[in-house]
Amino acid sequence: ERFLAQLGQTKIALFAVDEAHCISEWGHNFRPDYLKLAARARELGAERVLALTATATPAVVADIRAGFGIEERDSVVTGFYRPNLTLLTTPVNARERDQALIDRLRERAPGSTIVYVTLQRTAERVAALLMAAGLPARAYHAGMNADDRVEVQEWWTHSDANIVVATIAFGMGIDKADVRYVYHLNLPKGLESYSQEIGRAGRDG
């Protein structure tokens, strides 16, 4: 409340909201706290609001516009096609999936890598499996304490070859330009989640 009181004494020329899809119940990562941002922008008398997201279906765009009072003519959708990304799918039996991942990681040039899994215990198991195979891997998930998560994120961020095996808890706020590989060991929740997650690769072009 002290922070909001300080903001109230300030002229806010631009109120920018990243990951704006979180305001929408139709979004793949809905977070109720994001709904407060629109109210705060109004209370603070922000002169302009900029809401940004890399993944928004028409329903999500409509929710964002409604929440922040953005006119339809002021909504810009550029598409999410990324010509520098190569998408490959390899159908495998569940029992062969782990070895297929190890083989793929070994046969390609080292690079900063994210391996997405669905469950926290899967993140721990697969990270241990990759480490046993001599690969630089660590797990990341919401069940870890905050210090451990920060340590893993720093370890991964400051390397051009480390592998993080993560649930979708690893994503918000991740802006590493040189991610070379994003693997999905388990299917993502949907196309919106998939495009968000693969979009963390190759941001340097």
N, C-alpha and C. Protein backbone atom coordinates (compact mmCIF):
# COMPACT_ATOMS: atom_id res chain seq x y z
N GLU A 1 0.81 -1.20 0.00
CA GLU A 1 0.00 0.00 0.00
C GLU A 1 0.86 1.26 0.00
N ARG A 2 2.01 1.18 0.66
CA ARG A 2 2.92 2.33 0.66
C ARG A 2 3.39 2.62 -0.77
N PHE A 3 3.71 1.54 -1.50
CA PHE A 3 4.16 1.69 -2.89
C PHE A 3 3.07 2.33 -3.74
N LEU A 4 1.81 1.87 -3.58
CA LEU A 4 0.71 2.43 -4.34
C LEU A 4 0.50 3.90 -3.98
N ALA A 5 0.68 4.24 -2.69
CA ALA A 5 0.53 5.63 -2.26
C ALA A 5 1.60 6.50 -2.92
N GLN A 6 2.82 5.98 -3.00
CA GLN A 6 3.90 6.73 -3.66
C GLN A 6 3.59 6.92 -5.15
N LEU A 7 3.07 5.85 -5.79
CA LEU A 7 2.72 5.96 -7.20
C LEU A 7 1.62 7.01 -7.40
N GLY A 8 0.71 7.10 -6.43
CA GLY A 8 -0.39 8.04 -6.53
C GLY A 8 0.06 9.49 -6.55
N GLN A 9 1.27 9.76 -6.09
CA GLN A 9 1.81 11.13 -6.09
C GLN A 9 2.64 11.40 -7.34
N THR A 10 2.66 10.44 -8.25
CA THR A 10 3.52 10.53 -9.43
C THR A 10 2.67 10.60 -10.69
N LYS A 11 3.13 11.36 -11.65
CA LYS A 11 2.47 11.37 -12.96
C LYS A 11 2.94 10.15 -13.74
N ILE A 12 2.02 9.29 -14.11
CA ILE A 12 2.37 8.07 -14.85
C ILE A 12 2.01 8.27 -16.32
N ALA A 13 3.02 8.45 -17.13
CA ALA A 13 2.80 8.69 -18.56
C ALA A 13 2.49 7.39 -19.30
N LEU A 14 3.11 6.27 -18.84
CA LEU A 14 2.91 4.99 -19.51
C LEU A 14 2.87 3.87 -18.48
N PHE A 15 1.79 3.11 -18.50
CA PHE A 15 1.60 1.97 -17.62
C PHE A 15 1.70 0.73 -18.50
N ALA A 16 2.83 0.03 -18.48
CA ALA A 16 3.06 -1.11 -19.38
C ALA A 16 2.87 -2.42 -18.62
N VAL A 17 2.15 -3.33 -19.23
CA VAL A 17 1.88 -4.64 -18.62
C VAL A 17 2.40 -5.72 -19.57
N ASP A 18 3.41 -6.46 -19.13
CA ASP A 18 3.91 -7.57 -19.94
C ASP A 18 3.12 -8.83 -19.58
N GLU A 19 3.18 -9.84 -20.44
CA GLU A 19 2.46 -11.10 -20.24
C GLU A 19 0.98 -10.82 -19.98
N ALA A 20 0.42 -9.91 -20.76
CA ALA A 20 -0.95 -9.42 -20.52
C ALA A 20 -2.00 -10.51 -20.66
N HIS A 21 -1.68 -11.64 -21.32
CA HIS A 21 -2.65 -12.73 -21.42
C HIS A 21 -3.06 -13.25 -20.05
N CYS A 22 -2.25 -12.96 -19.03
CA CYS A 22 -2.57 -13.44 -17.68
C CYS A 22 -3.82 -12.78 -17.10
N ILE A 23 -4.29 -11.67 -17.73
CA ILE A 23 -5.50 -11.01 -17.26
C ILE A 23 -6.75 -11.77 -17.70
N SER A 24 -6.58 -12.67 -18.64
CA SER A 24 -7.74 -13.32 -19.27
C SER A 24 -7.97 -14.73 -18.75
N GLU A 25 -9.22 -15.00 -18.40
CA GLU A 25 -9.57 -16.36 -17.97
C GLU A 25 -9.47 -17.34 -19.13
N TRP A 26 -9.42 -16.81 -20.37
CA TRP A 26 -9.25 -17.67 -21.55
C TRP A 26 -7.77 -17.90 -21.85
N GLY A 27 -6.90 -17.18 -21.14
CA GLY A 27 -5.46 -17.30 -21.39
C GLY A 27 -4.91 -18.59 -20.81
N HIS A 28 -3.76 -19.01 -21.31
CA HIS A 28 -3.19 -20.28 -20.86
C HIS A 28 -2.53 -20.15 -19.50
N ASN A 29 -2.39 -18.93 -18.99
CA ASN A 29 -1.66 -18.72 -17.74
C ASN A 29 -2.39 -17.69 -16.89
N PHE A 30 -3.71 -17.83 -16.75
CA PHE A 30 -4.54 -16.87 -16.03
C PHE A 30 -4.07 -16.71 -14.58
N ARG A 31 -3.86 -15.46 -14.19
CA ARG A 31 -3.47 -15.15 -12.82
C ARG A 31 -4.38 -14.05 -12.31
N PRO A 32 -5.26 -14.37 -11.35
CA PRO A 32 -6.25 -13.39 -10.90
C PRO A 32 -5.66 -12.05 -10.46
N ASP A 33 -4.45 -12.05 -9.91
CA ASP A 33 -3.85 -10.79 -9.48
C ASP A 33 -3.68 -9.81 -10.63
N TYR A 34 -3.55 -10.35 -11.84
CA TYR A 34 -3.40 -9.46 -13.00
C TYR A 34 -4.64 -8.59 -13.21
N LEU A 35 -5.80 -9.09 -12.76
CA LEU A 35 -7.03 -8.31 -12.90
C LEU A 35 -6.94 -6.99 -12.14
N LYS A 36 -6.12 -6.95 -11.08
CA LYS A 36 -5.98 -5.73 -10.28
C LYS A 36 -5.23 -4.64 -11.04
N LEU A 37 -4.41 -5.05 -12.01
CA LEU A 37 -3.59 -4.06 -12.71
C LEU A 37 -4.44 -3.05 -13.47
N ALA A 38 -5.50 -3.51 -14.10
CA ALA A 38 -6.36 -2.60 -14.85
C ALA A 38 -7.00 -1.57 -13.91
N ALA A 39 -7.47 -2.05 -12.74
CA ALA A 39 -8.06 -1.13 -11.76
C ALA A 39 -7.03 -0.13 -11.25
N ARG A 40 -5.82 -0.61 -11.01
CA ARG A 40 -4.76 0.28 -10.50
C ARG A 40 -4.40 1.35 -11.54
N ALA A 41 -4.34 0.94 -12.81
CA ALA A 41 -4.01 1.91 -13.86
C ALA A 41 -5.05 3.03 -13.88
N ARG A 42 -6.32 2.66 -13.70
CA ARG A 42 -7.38 3.68 -13.67
C ARG A 42 -7.25 4.56 -12.43
N GLU A 43 -7.04 3.92 -11.27
CA GLU A 43 -6.94 4.67 -10.01
C GLU A 43 -5.78 5.67 -10.04
N LEU A 44 -4.70 5.25 -10.68
CA LEU A 44 -3.49 6.10 -10.71
C LEU A 44 -3.54 7.14 -11.82
N GLY A 45 -4.58 7.08 -12.64
CA GLY A 45 -4.71 8.06 -13.71
C GLY A 45 -3.63 7.94 -14.76
N ALA A 46 -3.23 6.72 -15.07
CA ALA A 46 -2.19 6.51 -16.09
C ALA A 46 -2.65 7.11 -17.41
N GLU A 47 -1.77 7.88 -18.05
CA GLU A 47 -2.13 8.54 -19.31
C GLU A 47 -2.27 7.56 -20.46
N ARG A 48 -1.42 6.55 -20.48
CA ARG A 48 -1.45 5.54 -21.53
C ARG A 48 -1.25 4.17 -20.91
N VAL A 49 -1.87 3.17 -21.51
CA VAL A 49 -1.67 1.79 -21.09
C VAL A 49 -1.19 1.00 -22.30
N LEU A 50 -0.12 0.22 -22.09
CA LEU A 50 0.40 -0.65 -23.14
C LEU A 50 0.36 -2.07 -22.59
N ALA A 51 -0.43 -2.94 -23.21
CA ALA A 51 -0.55 -4.33 -22.78
C ALA A 51 0.11 -5.21 -23.83
N LEU A 52 1.08 -6.03 -23.43
CA LEU A 52 1.88 -6.82 -24.36
C LEU A 52 1.77 -8.31 -24.06
N THR A 53 1.67 -9.11 -25.10
CA THR A 53 1.72 -10.56 -24.95
C THR A 53 2.16 -11.18 -26.27
N ALA A 54 2.85 -12.29 -26.16
CA ALA A 54 3.30 -12.98 -27.37
C ALA A 54 2.25 -13.97 -27.87
N THR A 55 1.29 -14.30 -27.02
CA THR A 55 0.29 -15.30 -27.40
C THR A 55 -1.09 -14.84 -26.96
N ALA A 56 -1.93 -14.51 -27.92
CA ALA A 56 -3.29 -14.11 -27.57
C ALA A 56 -4.26 -14.54 -28.66
N THR A 57 -5.18 -15.39 -28.29
CA THR A 57 -6.27 -15.76 -29.20
C THR A 57 -7.22 -14.57 -29.27
N PRO A 58 -8.15 -14.56 -30.23
CA PRO A 58 -9.12 -13.46 -30.29
C PRO A 58 -9.88 -13.25 -28.97
N ALA A 59 -10.22 -14.34 -28.27
CA ALA A 59 -10.93 -14.22 -26.99
C ALA A 59 -10.06 -13.54 -25.94
N VAL A 60 -8.76 -13.87 -25.92
CA VAL A 60 -7.85 -13.26 -24.96
C VAL A 60 -7.65 -11.78 -25.28
N VAL A 61 -7.51 -11.46 -26.57
CA VAL A 61 -7.37 -10.06 -26.97
C VAL A 61 -8.59 -9.26 -26.51
N ALA A 62 -9.78 -9.83 -26.69
CA ALA A 62 -11.01 -9.15 -26.27
C ALA A 62 -11.03 -8.92 -24.76
N ASP A 63 -10.58 -9.91 -23.99
CA ASP A 63 -10.51 -9.77 -22.52
C ASP A 63 -9.54 -8.67 -22.11
N ILE A 64 -8.38 -8.64 -22.75
CA ILE A 64 -7.37 -7.62 -22.43
C ILE A 64 -7.92 -6.24 -22.74
N ARG A 65 -8.55 -6.11 -23.91
CA ARG A 65 -9.13 -4.81 -24.29
C ARG A 65 -10.19 -4.37 -23.30
N ALA A 66 -11.06 -5.31 -22.93
CA ALA A 66 -12.14 -4.98 -21.99
C ALA A 66 -11.57 -4.58 -20.63
N GLY A 67 -10.58 -5.33 -20.16
CA GLY A 67 -10.00 -5.05 -18.84
C GLY A 67 -9.36 -3.69 -18.74
N PHE A 68 -8.65 -3.30 -19.79
CA PHE A 68 -7.91 -2.04 -19.75
C PHE A 68 -8.61 -0.90 -20.50
N GLY A 69 -9.81 -1.17 -21.05
CA GLY A 69 -10.52 -0.13 -21.75
C GLY A 69 -9.82 0.30 -23.03
N ILE A 70 -9.28 -0.66 -23.75
CA ILE A 70 -8.56 -0.38 -25.00
C ILE A 70 -9.53 -0.53 -26.17
N GLU A 71 -9.60 0.48 -27.00
CA GLU A 71 -10.48 0.43 -28.17
C GLU A 71 -9.97 -0.62 -29.17
N GLU A 72 -10.90 -1.20 -29.92
CA GLU A 72 -10.52 -2.22 -30.90
C GLU A 72 -9.52 -1.67 -31.92
N ARG A 73 -9.70 -0.39 -32.31
CA ARG A 73 -8.80 0.21 -33.30
C ARG A 73 -7.38 0.38 -32.75
N ASP A 74 -7.23 0.31 -31.43
CA ASP A 74 -5.91 0.48 -30.81
C ASP A 74 -5.26 -0.86 -30.47
N SER A 75 -5.83 -1.93 -30.98
CA SER A 75 -5.29 -3.27 -30.74
C SER A 75 -4.49 -3.71 -31.96
N VAL A 76 -3.24 -4.07 -31.74
CA VAL A 76 -2.35 -4.46 -32.83
C VAL A 76 -1.95 -5.92 -32.63
N VAL A 77 -2.26 -6.76 -33.63
CA VAL A 77 -1.87 -8.17 -33.58
C VAL A 77 -0.97 -8.43 -34.78
N THR A 78 0.28 -8.78 -34.52
CA THR A 78 1.26 -8.93 -35.59
C THR A 78 1.46 -10.39 -36.01
N GLY A 79 0.88 -11.33 -35.28
CA GLY A 79 1.13 -12.74 -35.56
C GLY A 79 2.34 -13.23 -34.79
N PHE A 80 2.50 -14.53 -34.73
CA PHE A 80 3.62 -15.06 -33.94
C PHE A 80 4.53 -15.98 -34.75
N TYR A 81 4.44 -15.90 -36.08
CA TYR A 81 5.33 -16.72 -36.91
C TYR A 81 6.77 -16.27 -36.72
N ARG A 82 7.66 -17.23 -36.45
CA ARG A 82 9.07 -16.94 -36.24
C ARG A 82 9.87 -17.72 -37.26
N PRO A 83 10.31 -17.09 -38.37
CA PRO A 83 10.95 -17.83 -39.46
C PRO A 83 12.27 -18.50 -39.05
N ASN A 84 12.88 -18.07 -37.95
CA ASN A 84 14.16 -18.67 -37.56
C ASN A 84 13.99 -19.95 -36.73
N LEU A 85 12.76 -20.31 -36.38
CA LEU A 85 12.55 -21.52 -35.58
C LEU A 85 12.24 -22.71 -36.49
N THR A 86 12.83 -23.85 -36.16
CA THR A 86 12.52 -25.10 -36.84
C THR A 86 11.77 -25.99 -35.85
N LEU A 87 10.59 -26.45 -36.24
CA LEU A 87 9.78 -27.29 -35.37
C LEU A 87 9.85 -28.74 -35.86
N LEU A 88 10.22 -29.63 -34.96
CA LEU A 88 10.33 -31.05 -35.29
C LEU A 88 9.54 -31.86 -34.27
N THR A 89 8.86 -32.90 -34.74
CA THR A 89 8.12 -33.79 -33.85
C THR A 89 8.60 -35.21 -34.07
N THR A 90 8.86 -35.92 -32.98
CA THR A 90 9.31 -37.31 -33.08
C THR A 90 8.36 -38.18 -32.26
N PRO A 91 7.47 -38.93 -32.90
CA PRO A 91 6.60 -39.84 -32.14
C PRO A 91 7.43 -41.00 -31.58
N VAL A 92 7.31 -41.23 -30.28
CA VAL A 92 8.03 -42.35 -29.64
C VAL A 92 7.12 -43.00 -28.60
N ASN A 93 7.35 -44.29 -28.34
CA ASN A 93 6.66 -44.96 -27.25
C ASN A 93 7.12 -44.35 -25.93
N ALA A 94 6.25 -44.35 -24.94
CA ALA A 94 6.57 -43.74 -23.65
C ALA A 94 7.86 -44.33 -23.06
N ARG A 95 8.05 -45.66 -23.21
CA ARG A 95 9.22 -46.29 -22.61
C ARG A 95 10.52 -45.93 -23.34
N GLU A 96 10.40 -45.40 -24.56
CA GLU A 96 11.60 -45.03 -25.32
C GLU A 96 11.88 -43.53 -25.29
N ARG A 97 11.01 -42.79 -24.63
CA ARG A 97 11.08 -41.33 -24.68
C ARG A 97 12.35 -40.78 -24.03
N ASP A 98 12.71 -41.29 -22.86
CA ASP A 98 13.89 -40.80 -22.16
C ASP A 98 15.16 -40.97 -23.00
N GLN A 99 15.31 -42.17 -23.57
CA GLN A 99 16.52 -42.44 -24.36
C GLN A 99 16.53 -41.59 -25.63
N ALA A 100 15.36 -41.37 -26.21
CA ALA A 100 15.29 -40.52 -27.41
C ALA A 100 15.75 -39.09 -27.08
N LEU A 101 15.38 -38.60 -25.90
CA LEU A 101 15.82 -37.26 -25.48
C LEU A 101 17.33 -37.23 -25.30
N ILE A 102 17.88 -38.23 -24.62
CA ILE A 102 19.34 -38.29 -24.42
C ILE A 102 20.06 -38.34 -25.76
N ASP A 103 19.59 -39.19 -26.65
CA ASP A 103 20.21 -39.31 -27.98
C ASP A 103 20.19 -37.98 -28.72
N ARG A 104 19.03 -37.32 -28.68
CA ARG A 104 18.88 -36.04 -29.39
C ARG A 104 19.82 -34.98 -28.80
N LEU A 105 19.91 -34.92 -27.49
CA LEU A 105 20.79 -33.94 -26.85
C LEU A 105 22.26 -34.21 -27.18
N ARG A 106 22.62 -35.48 -27.30
CA ARG A 106 24.02 -35.83 -27.58
C ARG A 106 24.40 -35.59 -29.03
N GLU A 107 23.44 -35.78 -29.95
CA GLU A 107 23.79 -35.72 -31.37
C GLU A 107 23.82 -34.29 -31.91
N ARG A 108 23.26 -33.37 -31.17
CA ARG A 108 23.24 -31.97 -31.61
C ARG A 108 24.33 -31.18 -30.92
N ALA A 109 24.74 -30.09 -31.56
CA ALA A 109 25.75 -29.21 -30.95
C ALA A 109 25.21 -28.68 -29.62
N PRO A 110 26.08 -28.56 -28.60
CA PRO A 110 25.60 -28.03 -27.32
C PRO A 110 25.01 -26.64 -27.49
N GLY A 111 24.03 -26.35 -26.67
CA GLY A 111 23.39 -25.03 -26.70
C GLY A 111 22.48 -24.89 -25.50
N SER A 112 22.19 -23.67 -25.13
CA SER A 112 21.28 -23.41 -24.02
C SER A 112 19.93 -24.07 -24.31
N THR A 113 19.46 -24.90 -23.36
CA THR A 113 18.32 -25.78 -23.63
C THR A 113 17.29 -25.76 -22.51
N ILE A 114 16.01 -25.81 -22.90
CA ILE A 114 14.91 -26.03 -21.95
C ILE A 114 14.22 -27.33 -22.34
N VAL A 115 14.00 -28.20 -21.37
CA VAL A 115 13.19 -29.41 -21.57
C VAL A 115 11.95 -29.25 -20.71
N TYR A 116 10.79 -29.12 -21.34
CA TYR A 116 9.55 -28.96 -20.59
C TYR A 116 8.91 -30.31 -20.29
N VAL A 117 8.47 -30.46 -19.05
CA VAL A 117 7.74 -31.65 -18.60
C VAL A 117 6.49 -31.17 -17.85
N THR A 118 5.59 -32.10 -17.57
CA THR A 118 4.33 -31.73 -16.95
C THR A 118 4.40 -31.69 -15.43
N LEU A 119 5.08 -32.66 -14.84
CA LEU A 119 5.05 -32.82 -13.38
C LEU A 119 6.39 -32.48 -12.72
N GLN A 120 6.31 -32.03 -11.48
CA GLN A 120 7.52 -31.70 -10.73
C GLN A 120 8.41 -32.92 -10.55
N ARG A 121 7.81 -34.06 -10.24
CA ARG A 121 8.63 -35.27 -10.03
C ARG A 121 9.29 -35.71 -11.34
N THR A 122 8.63 -35.45 -12.47
CA THR A 122 9.24 -35.77 -13.76
C THR A 122 10.45 -34.88 -14.01
N ALA A 123 10.35 -33.61 -13.64
CA ALA A 123 11.49 -32.70 -13.78
C ALA A 123 12.69 -33.21 -13.00
N GLU A 124 12.46 -33.64 -11.78
CA GLU A 124 13.56 -34.16 -10.94
C GLU A 124 14.13 -35.45 -11.54
N ARG A 125 13.26 -36.35 -11.96
CA ARG A 125 13.70 -37.63 -12.51
C ARG A 125 14.51 -37.45 -13.79
N VAL A 126 14.00 -36.62 -14.70
CA VAL A 126 14.67 -36.45 -15.99
C VAL A 126 15.98 -35.69 -15.83
N ALA A 127 16.02 -34.70 -14.95
CA ALA A 127 17.28 -33.98 -14.70
C ALA A 127 18.34 -34.94 -14.17
N ALA A 128 17.94 -35.82 -13.24
CA ALA A 128 18.88 -36.81 -12.69
C ALA A 128 19.34 -37.76 -13.79
N LEU A 129 18.44 -38.17 -14.65
CA LEU A 129 18.75 -39.07 -15.76
C LEU A 129 19.78 -38.43 -16.71
N LEU A 130 19.55 -37.16 -17.05
CA LEU A 130 20.47 -36.46 -17.95
C LEU A 130 21.84 -36.26 -17.30
N MET A 131 21.85 -35.93 -16.02
CA MET A 131 23.14 -35.78 -15.31
C MET A 131 23.90 -37.09 -15.30
N ALA A 132 23.18 -38.20 -15.07
CA ALA A 132 23.82 -39.52 -15.07
C ALA A 132 24.39 -39.85 -16.44
N ALA A 133 23.81 -39.26 -17.49
CA ALA A 133 24.29 -39.48 -18.86
C ALA A 133 25.41 -38.50 -19.23
N GLY A 134 25.86 -37.72 -18.25
CA GLY A 134 26.98 -36.79 -18.47
C GLY A 134 26.59 -35.46 -19.07
N LEU A 135 25.30 -35.12 -19.01
CA LEU A 135 24.83 -33.86 -19.57
C LEU A 135 24.61 -32.83 -18.46
N PRO A 136 24.91 -31.55 -18.70
CA PRO A 136 24.78 -30.51 -17.66
C PRO A 136 23.33 -30.09 -17.47
N ALA A 137 22.61 -30.81 -16.59
CA ALA A 137 21.17 -30.58 -16.44
C ALA A 137 20.79 -30.38 -14.98
N ARG A 138 19.77 -29.53 -14.77
CA ARG A 138 19.19 -29.34 -13.43
C ARG A 138 17.69 -29.17 -13.56
N ALA A 139 16.98 -29.50 -12.49
CA ALA A 139 15.52 -29.38 -12.48
C ALA A 139 15.10 -28.01 -11.98
N TYR A 140 13.90 -27.58 -12.44
CA TYR A 140 13.30 -26.33 -11.98
C TYR A 140 11.79 -26.53 -11.93
N HIS A 141 11.19 -26.27 -10.77
CA HIS A 141 9.73 -26.36 -10.64
C HIS A 141 9.27 -25.58 -9.42
N ALA A 142 7.96 -25.39 -9.33
CA ALA A 142 7.38 -24.55 -8.28
C ALA A 142 7.50 -25.18 -6.89
N GLY A 143 7.79 -26.48 -6.81
CA GLY A 143 7.94 -27.14 -5.52
C GLY A 143 9.27 -26.85 -4.83
N MET A 144 10.19 -26.24 -5.55
CA MET A 144 11.49 -25.90 -4.98
C MET A 144 11.38 -24.61 -4.19
N ASN A 145 12.27 -24.43 -3.19
CA ASN A 145 12.22 -23.14 -2.48
C ASN A 145 12.80 -22.05 -3.37
N ALA A 146 12.48 -20.82 -3.03
CA ALA A 146 12.81 -19.68 -3.90
C ALA A 146 14.31 -19.57 -4.15
N ASP A 147 15.14 -19.79 -3.12
CA ASP A 147 16.59 -19.67 -3.29
C ASP A 147 17.12 -20.69 -4.30
N ASP A 148 16.59 -21.92 -4.21
CA ASP A 148 17.04 -22.96 -5.15
C ASP A 148 16.62 -22.63 -6.58
N ARG A 149 15.40 -22.10 -6.73
CA ARG A 149 14.95 -21.73 -8.07
C ARG A 149 15.83 -20.63 -8.66
N VAL A 150 16.15 -19.64 -7.84
CA VAL A 150 17.00 -18.53 -8.31
C VAL A 150 18.38 -19.07 -8.70
N GLU A 151 18.91 -19.99 -7.89
CA GLU A 151 20.24 -20.56 -8.17
C GLU A 151 20.25 -21.30 -9.51
N VAL A 152 19.21 -22.12 -9.76
CA VAL A 152 19.13 -22.87 -11.02
C VAL A 152 18.98 -21.91 -12.20
N GLN A 153 18.13 -20.90 -12.03
CA GLN A 153 17.92 -19.95 -13.12
C GLN A 153 19.21 -19.20 -13.45
N GLU A 154 19.96 -18.79 -12.43
CA GLU A 154 21.24 -18.09 -12.65
C GLU A 154 22.25 -19.03 -13.32
N TRP A 155 22.32 -20.27 -12.85
CA TRP A 155 23.23 -21.27 -13.42
C TRP A 155 22.96 -21.46 -14.91
N TRP A 156 21.66 -21.51 -15.26
CA TRP A 156 21.27 -21.71 -16.65
C TRP A 156 21.49 -20.44 -17.48
N THR A 157 21.13 -19.29 -16.93
CA THR A 157 21.20 -18.03 -17.66
C THR A 157 22.63 -17.68 -18.05
N HIS A 158 23.58 -18.01 -17.19
CA HIS A 158 24.97 -17.60 -17.44
C HIS A 158 25.78 -18.67 -18.17
N SER A 159 25.10 -19.56 -18.88
CA SER A 159 25.78 -20.60 -19.63
C SER A 159 25.22 -20.66 -21.05
N ASP A 160 26.05 -21.09 -21.98
CA ASP A 160 25.55 -21.26 -23.35
C ASP A 160 25.35 -22.74 -23.68
N ALA A 161 25.38 -23.60 -22.66
CA ALA A 161 25.25 -25.04 -22.93
C ALA A 161 24.42 -25.79 -21.88
N ASN A 162 24.04 -25.14 -20.80
CA ASN A 162 23.32 -25.85 -19.73
C ASN A 162 21.88 -26.16 -20.10
N ILE A 163 21.34 -27.20 -19.45
CA ILE A 163 20.00 -27.70 -19.73
C ILE A 163 19.16 -27.59 -18.47
N VAL A 164 18.01 -26.94 -18.57
CA VAL A 164 17.09 -26.90 -17.44
C VAL A 164 15.88 -27.76 -17.81
N VAL A 165 15.52 -28.69 -16.89
CA VAL A 165 14.35 -29.54 -17.07
C VAL A 165 13.27 -28.95 -16.18
N ALA A 166 12.20 -28.44 -16.79
CA ALA A 166 11.30 -27.58 -16.05
C ALA A 166 9.84 -27.86 -16.32
N THR A 167 9.03 -27.53 -15.32
CA THR A 167 7.59 -27.43 -15.54
C THR A 167 7.33 -26.03 -16.09
N ILE A 168 6.06 -25.71 -16.37
CA ILE A 168 5.77 -24.38 -16.90
C ILE A 168 6.02 -23.27 -15.89
N ALA A 169 6.39 -23.63 -14.64
CA ALA A 169 6.78 -22.61 -13.66
C ALA A 169 7.98 -21.82 -14.19
N PHE A 170 8.73 -22.43 -15.09
CA PHE A 170 9.90 -21.79 -15.70
C PHE A 170 9.44 -21.14 -16.99
N GLY A 171 9.30 -19.85 -16.98
CA GLY A 171 8.83 -19.19 -18.18
C GLY A 171 8.62 -17.71 -18.00
N MET A 172 7.74 -17.35 -17.09
CA MET A 172 7.44 -15.93 -16.90
C MET A 172 8.72 -15.17 -16.56
N GLY A 173 9.01 -14.15 -17.32
CA GLY A 173 10.18 -13.33 -17.02
C GLY A 173 11.47 -13.87 -17.58
N ILE A 174 11.43 -15.02 -18.25
CA ILE A 174 12.64 -15.59 -18.85
C ILE A 174 12.89 -14.87 -20.17
N ASP A 175 14.03 -14.19 -20.27
CA ASP A 175 14.35 -13.50 -21.52
C ASP A 175 15.83 -13.71 -21.84
N LYS A 176 16.16 -14.93 -22.21
CA LYS A 176 17.53 -15.30 -22.56
C LYS A 176 17.60 -15.39 -24.07
N ALA A 177 18.45 -14.59 -24.68
CA ALA A 177 18.44 -14.43 -26.14
C ALA A 177 18.93 -15.67 -26.89
N ASP A 178 19.83 -16.44 -26.26
CA ASP A 178 20.51 -17.49 -27.02
C ASP A 178 20.03 -18.91 -26.70
N VAL A 179 18.75 -19.07 -26.37
CA VAL A 179 18.21 -20.42 -26.18
C VAL A 179 18.20 -21.11 -27.54
N ARG A 180 18.84 -22.25 -27.63
CA ARG A 180 18.98 -22.94 -28.92
C ARG A 180 17.98 -24.08 -29.10
N TYR A 181 17.55 -24.71 -27.99
CA TYR A 181 16.65 -25.85 -28.10
C TYR A 181 15.57 -25.77 -27.03
N VAL A 182 14.34 -26.07 -27.42
CA VAL A 182 13.24 -26.24 -26.47
C VAL A 182 12.60 -27.58 -26.79
N TYR A 183 12.66 -28.51 -25.84
CA TYR A 183 12.06 -29.83 -26.01
C TYR A 183 10.80 -29.93 -25.15
N HIS A 184 9.80 -30.63 -25.66
CA HIS A 184 8.63 -30.97 -24.86
C HIS A 184 8.63 -32.49 -24.70
N LEU A 185 9.03 -32.94 -23.51
CA LEU A 185 9.01 -34.38 -23.25
C LEU A 185 7.57 -34.85 -23.06
N ASN A 186 6.73 -33.98 -22.51
CA ASN A 186 5.30 -34.21 -22.39
C ASN A 186 4.58 -33.17 -23.25
N LEU A 187 3.39 -33.51 -23.70
CA LEU A 187 2.63 -32.57 -24.52
C LEU A 187 2.28 -31.32 -23.71
N PRO A 188 2.38 -30.15 -24.33
CA PRO A 188 1.95 -28.93 -23.64
C PRO A 188 0.43 -28.92 -23.50
N LYS A 189 -0.08 -27.96 -22.70
CA LYS A 189 -1.53 -27.90 -22.43
C LYS A 189 -2.35 -27.60 -23.67
N GLY A 190 -1.76 -26.88 -24.61
CA GLY A 190 -2.49 -26.52 -25.82
C GLY A 190 -1.58 -25.76 -26.76
N LEU A 191 -2.12 -25.36 -27.91
CA LEU A 191 -1.31 -24.66 -28.91
C LEU A 191 -0.80 -23.31 -28.39
N GLU A 192 -1.64 -22.65 -27.58
CA GLU A 192 -1.23 -21.35 -27.04
C GLU A 192 -0.01 -21.52 -26.13
N SER A 193 -0.07 -22.53 -25.25
CA SER A 193 1.07 -22.81 -24.38
C SER A 193 2.29 -23.19 -25.20
N TYR A 194 2.07 -24.02 -26.22
CA TYR A 194 3.18 -24.48 -27.07
C TYR A 194 3.88 -23.30 -27.73
N SER A 195 3.10 -22.38 -28.31
CA SER A 195 3.72 -21.24 -29.00
C SER A 195 4.45 -20.33 -28.02
N GLN A 196 3.90 -20.20 -26.80
CA GLN A 196 4.57 -19.39 -25.77
C GLN A 196 5.91 -20.02 -25.40
N GLU A 197 5.91 -21.34 -25.21
CA GLU A 197 7.10 -22.04 -24.72
C GLU A 197 8.19 -22.13 -25.79
N ILE A 198 7.82 -22.45 -27.04
CA ILE A 198 8.85 -22.51 -28.08
C ILE A 198 9.37 -21.12 -28.40
N GLY A 199 8.55 -20.12 -28.11
CA GLY A 199 8.96 -18.73 -28.38
C GLY A 199 10.12 -18.25 -27.55
N ARG A 200 10.54 -19.07 -26.57
CA ARG A 200 11.71 -18.69 -25.76
C ARG A 200 13.02 -19.02 -26.48
N ALA A 201 12.92 -19.69 -27.62
CA ALA A 201 14.13 -20.06 -28.38
C ALA A 201 14.46 -18.99 -29.41
N GLY A 202 15.75 -18.83 -29.66
CA GLY A 202 16.24 -18.04 -30.78
C GLY A 202 15.82 -16.58 -30.80
N ARG A 203 15.71 -15.96 -29.64
CA ARG A 203 15.30 -14.55 -29.63
C ARG A 203 16.37 -13.62 -30.22
N ASP A 204 17.57 -14.14 -30.37
CA ASP A 204 18.64 -13.35 -31.01
C ASP A 204 18.63 -13.55 -32.53
N GLY A 205 17.62 -14.23 -33.04
CA GLY A 205 17.49 -14.43 -34.48
C GLY A 205 18.12 -15.70 -34.99
